[in-house]
Amino acid sequence: QVQLVESGGGLVQPGGSLRLSCAASGIIFKIFSMGWYRQAPGKQRELVATITSGGSTNYVDSVKGRVTISRDNAKNTVYLQMNSLRPEDTAVYYCNADYTGIFPNRVYWGQGTQVTVSS
């Protein structure tokens, strides 16, 4: 069974930091691209950051310079370090695993972890 389990969310003040973790099991982790998405109330889910199996990263413009995605293949874990957090970062953050090397693509989602940025 494939499982993506997020952790590290919580309540933080504006300007604060959080590190989210996503532990994966049931997949060949090292060949998957990993990503973090978020969904705020009343809004559609949006990409935050991705990291390929080769380590290339991409970020949504709104978080560039404040957020870093990384992965530890030995631990089957992807991280999202978030600094200088803003209230508009408040959302449920979801971990994503994506393998496009063969059809059909394999795509998996975690259950999400709540991040609330508020004073």
Protein backbone atom coordinates (compact mmCIF):
# COMPACT_ATOMS: atom_id res chain seq x y z
CA GLN A 1 0.00 0.00 0.00
CA VAL A 2 1.19 3.46 -0.89
CA GLN A 3 1.25 5.95 1.93
CA LEU A 4 2.32 9.58 2.08
CA VAL A 5 2.19 10.92 5.61
CA GLU A 6 2.69 14.63 6.23
CA SER A 7 3.76 16.15 9.50
CA GLY A 8 5.10 19.41 10.87
CA GLY A 9 2.15 21.69 10.37
CA GLY A 10 0.75 23.91 13.05
CA LEU A 11 0.17 27.47 14.17
CA VAL A 12 2.93 30.00 13.63
CA GLN A 13 3.14 33.77 13.86
CA PRO A 14 3.78 35.90 10.79
CA GLY A 15 7.48 35.90 10.04
CA GLY A 16 7.95 32.52 11.66
CA SER A 17 9.15 29.25 10.21
CA LEU A 18 7.94 25.69 9.84
CA ARG A 19 9.39 22.57 8.32
CA LEU A 20 6.94 20.11 6.84
CA SER A 21 7.88 16.48 6.32
CA CYS A 22 6.34 13.82 4.12
CA ALA A 23 7.30 10.22 4.70
CA ALA A 24 6.57 7.90 1.79
CA SER A 25 6.17 4.15 1.73
CA GLY A 26 5.08 1.64 -0.87
CA ILE A 27 6.85 3.39 -3.77
CA ILE A 28 10.33 3.37 -5.23
CA PHE A 29 10.89 6.77 -3.73
CA LYS A 30 14.08 7.71 -5.54
CA ILE A 31 12.48 7.58 -9.01
CA PHE A 32 9.48 9.74 -8.10
CA SER A 33 9.20 13.45 -8.40
CA MET A 34 7.87 14.88 -5.17
CA GLY A 35 5.88 17.98 -4.53
CA TRP A 36 4.05 20.11 -2.06
CA TYR A 37 0.67 21.62 -2.83
CA ARG A 38 -1.64 23.69 -0.71
CA GLN A 39 -5.32 24.51 -0.57
CA ALA A 40 -6.74 27.46 1.29
CA PRO A 41 -10.44 27.72 2.19
CA GLY A 42 -12.50 28.59 -0.86
CA LYS A 43 -9.57 28.24 -3.22
CA GLN A 44 -8.30 25.56 -5.56
CA ARG A 45 -5.30 23.46 -4.74
CA GLU A 46 -2.11 25.05 -6.01
CA LEU A 47 1.45 23.97 -6.52
CA VAL A 48 3.93 25.22 -3.96
CA ALA A 49 7.12 23.40 -4.88
CA THR A 50 8.38 20.32 -6.69
CA ILE A 51 11.61 18.39 -6.71
CA THR A 52 12.48 15.85 -9.38
CA SER A 53 14.24 12.56 -8.87
CA GLY A 54 17.39 14.33 -10.03
CA GLY A 55 17.02 17.13 -7.51
CA SER A 56 15.77 19.93 -9.76
CA THR A 57 13.37 22.25 -7.96
CA ASN A 58 10.57 24.59 -8.94
CA TYR A 59 8.51 27.00 -6.85
CA VAL A 60 5.42 29.08 -7.22
CA ASP A 61 6.36 32.74 -7.47
CA SER A 62 4.68 33.67 -4.20
CA VAL A 63 7.05 31.53 -2.13
CA LYS A 64 10.33 31.98 -3.97
CA GLY A 65 13.05 33.02 -1.58
CA ARG A 66 11.08 31.89 1.46
CA VAL A 67 10.59 28.19 0.84
CA THR A 68 12.96 25.33 0.12
CA ILE A 69 11.98 21.83 -0.94
CA SER A 70 14.43 19.02 -0.37
CA ARG A 71 14.48 15.25 -0.27
CA ASP A 72 16.32 12.53 1.57
CA ASN A 73 16.11 9.38 -0.50
CA ALA A 74 17.66 7.29 2.27
CA LYS A 75 14.72 8.23 4.49
CA ASN A 76 12.06 8.22 1.76
CA THR A 77 11.15 11.70 2.92
CA VAL A 78 10.57 15.06 1.28
CA TYR A 79 10.70 18.31 3.24
CA LEU A 80 9.35 21.80 2.84
CA GLN A 81 11.22 24.42 4.84
CA MET A 82 9.11 27.56 5.08
CA ASN A 83 10.47 30.84 6.41
CA SER A 84 9.10 34.36 6.68
CA LEU A 85 5.61 32.98 6.72
CA ARG A 86 2.67 35.20 5.90
CA PRO A 87 -1.03 34.88 6.72
CA GLU A 88 -1.72 34.13 3.07
CA ASP A 89 0.38 30.98 3.45
CA THR A 90 -2.38 29.55 5.61
CA ALA A 91 -3.66 26.38 3.98
CA VAL A 92 -3.73 22.63 4.14
CA TYR A 93 -0.46 21.43 2.67
CA TYR A 94 -0.45 18.18 0.72
CA CYS A 95 2.42 15.94 -0.24
CA ASN A 96 2.47 14.56 -3.78
CA ALA A 97 4.43 11.77 -5.44
CA ASP A 98 4.52 11.56 -9.22
CA TYR A 99 6.21 9.11 -11.57
CA THR A 100 5.91 9.87 -15.28
CA GLY A 101 8.49 7.45 -16.64
CA ILE A 102 5.85 5.03 -17.81
CA PHE A 103 2.20 5.18 -18.85
CA PRO A 104 -0.06 5.44 -16.98
CA ASN A 105 1.57 7.90 -14.66
CA ARG A 106 1.64 7.06 -10.98
CA VAL A 107 0.32 9.85 -8.80
CA TYR A 108 -0.26 9.71 -5.06
CA TRP A 109 -1.40 12.20 -2.44
CA GLY A 110 -1.09 12.51 1.28
CA GLN A 111 -3.90 13.49 3.61
CA GLY A 112 -2.55 16.96 4.29
CA THR A 113 -1.30 18.95 7.24
CA GLN A 114 -2.72 22.28 8.38
CA VAL A 115 -0.53 25.36 8.41
CA THR A 116 -1.97 28.45 10.05
CA VAL A 117 -0.09 31.74 10.05
CA SER A 118 -1.70 34.17 12.44
CA SER A 119 -0.85 36.64 15.16
